[in-house]
């Protein structure tokens, strides 16, 4: 599958945090959440475009905006592709336990 010239879309998440000690951890959590939402829509993250994370303190709490960029690969392909780096797909690697379960399911169907 070719990934050149795929349309790039920005996905955004914004919100408020009441303590600055949670900022680094929450950035990672929100990025994972946003990536899951992208994948459900058939998009995967573009690694060659850095996410935007802005934080502003307004006197009471911190307001943040997180933007992550992705390219459409289709819902089925998004299950197998972890991300795109320029135009190269980075495929997900199955764990040994997942491979073992799939093999067991296959063997049961054969019987």
Protein backbone atom coordinates (compact mmCIF):
# COMPACT_ATOMS: atom_id res chain seq x y z
CA UNK A 1 0.00 0.00 0.00
CA UNK A 2 1.32 3.44 -0.88
CA UNK A 3 1.07 6.26 1.60
CA UNK A 4 2.42 9.14 -0.47
CA UNK A 5 0.25 12.21 -0.78
CA UNK A 6 -2.25 11.12 1.85
CA UNK A 7 -4.24 13.98 3.29
CA UNK A 8 -2.97 15.03 6.72
CA UNK A 9 -5.53 15.87 9.35
CA UNK A 10 -5.08 17.59 12.72
CA UNK A 11 -6.72 16.01 15.76
CA UNK A 12 -7.13 18.25 18.80
CA UNK A 13 -7.88 17.80 22.48
CA UNK A 14 -8.21 20.67 24.95
CA UNK A 15 -8.97 20.93 28.61
CA UNK A 16 -8.00 22.17 32.05
CA UNK A 17 -5.65 20.91 34.75
CA UNK A 18 -5.53 22.27 38.26
CA UNK A 19 -1.97 21.31 39.18
CA UNK A 20 1.25 21.65 37.20
CA UNK A 21 2.68 18.44 38.66
CA UNK A 22 0.36 16.43 36.38
CA UNK A 23 1.28 18.19 33.13
CA UNK A 24 3.99 15.79 31.81
CA UNK A 25 2.06 12.62 32.68
CA UNK A 26 -1.24 13.92 31.36
CA UNK A 27 0.33 14.99 28.06
CA UNK A 28 1.30 11.35 27.42
CA UNK A 29 -2.10 10.05 28.56
CA UNK A 30 -4.01 12.51 26.39
CA UNK A 31 -1.76 11.74 23.41
CA UNK A 32 -2.58 8.01 23.76
CA UNK A 33 -6.28 8.81 24.06
CA UNK A 34 -6.19 10.98 20.96
CA UNK A 35 -4.25 8.34 19.00
CA UNK A 36 -6.89 5.73 19.89
CA UNK A 37 -9.62 8.08 18.67
CA UNK A 38 -7.68 8.64 15.44
CA UNK A 39 -7.26 4.89 14.88
CA UNK A 40 -11.02 4.33 15.30
CA UNK A 41 -11.54 6.80 12.45
CA UNK A 42 -8.97 5.07 10.21
CA UNK A 43 -6.11 7.50 10.82
CA UNK A 44 -2.62 6.81 12.14
CA UNK A 45 -0.07 9.19 13.64
CA UNK A 46 2.51 10.90 11.43
CA UNK A 47 5.78 10.62 13.37
CA UNK A 48 7.56 13.14 11.16
CA UNK A 49 5.21 15.91 12.36
CA UNK A 50 5.73 16.72 16.03
CA UNK A 51 2.61 17.06 18.23
CA UNK A 52 1.78 20.55 19.47
CA UNK A 53 1.27 20.95 23.24
CA UNK A 54 0.51 24.37 24.62
CA UNK A 55 -0.25 25.22 28.23
CA UNK A 56 -1.35 28.53 29.69
CA UNK A 57 -1.98 29.40 33.33
CA UNK A 58 -4.94 31.76 33.79
CA UNK A 59 -4.60 32.37 37.52
CA UNK A 60 -6.89 29.51 38.60
CA UNK A 61 -5.92 26.54 36.47
CA UNK A 62 -3.88 25.47 33.45
CA UNK A 63 -5.56 25.39 30.06
CA UNK A 64 -4.02 23.09 27.47
CA UNK A 65 -4.39 22.19 23.83
CA UNK A 66 -2.84 19.09 22.30
CA UNK A 67 -2.73 18.66 18.50
CA UNK A 68 -1.55 15.47 16.81
CA UNK A 69 -1.33 14.97 13.07
CA UNK A 70 -2.37 11.83 11.24
CA UNK A 71 -2.95 10.41 7.78
CA UNK A 72 -5.88 8.30 6.65
CA UNK A 73 -5.04 4.66 5.92
CA UNK A 74 -8.47 3.09 6.42
CA UNK A 75 -10.03 1.45 9.46
CA UNK A 76 -8.77 -2.04 8.68
CA UNK A 77 -5.20 -0.89 7.94
CA UNK A 78 -5.19 1.31 11.07
CA UNK A 79 -5.45 -1.86 13.16
CA UNK A 80 -2.13 -3.11 11.74
CA UNK A 81 -0.18 0.12 11.31
CA UNK A 82 1.27 1.79 14.40
CA UNK A 83 2.28 5.03 12.66
CA UNK A 84 3.64 6.58 9.47
CA UNK A 85 7.16 8.00 9.29
CA UNK A 86 7.15 10.19 6.21
CA UNK A 87 5.64 7.72 3.72
CA UNK A 88 6.77 4.50 5.39
CA UNK A 89 4.37 2.45 7.50
CA UNK A 90 5.49 1.17 10.88
CA UNK A 91 3.52 -1.99 11.51
CA UNK A 92 2.44 -3.20 14.94
CA UNK A 93 4.21 -6.23 16.30
CA UNK A 94 2.12 -8.93 17.87
CA UNK A 95 3.18 -10.21 21.23
CA UNK A 96 4.03 -13.90 21.63
CA UNK A 97 0.88 -14.46 23.69
CA UNK A 98 -1.33 -12.97 20.93
CA UNK A 99 0.35 -15.18 18.33
CA UNK A 100 -0.09 -18.21 20.58
CA UNK A 101 -3.81 -17.48 21.10
CA UNK A 102 -4.35 -17.04 17.36
CA UNK A 103 -2.58 -20.33 16.68
CA UNK A 104 -4.74 -22.10 19.28
CA UNK A 105 -7.93 -20.63 17.77
CA UNK A 106 -6.81 -21.71 14.31
CA UNK A 107 -6.10 -25.26 15.52
CA UNK A 108 -9.53 -25.47 17.20
CA UNK A 109 -11.24 -24.41 13.95
CA UNK A 110 -9.34 -27.09 12.05
CA UNK A 111 -10.64 -29.89 14.32
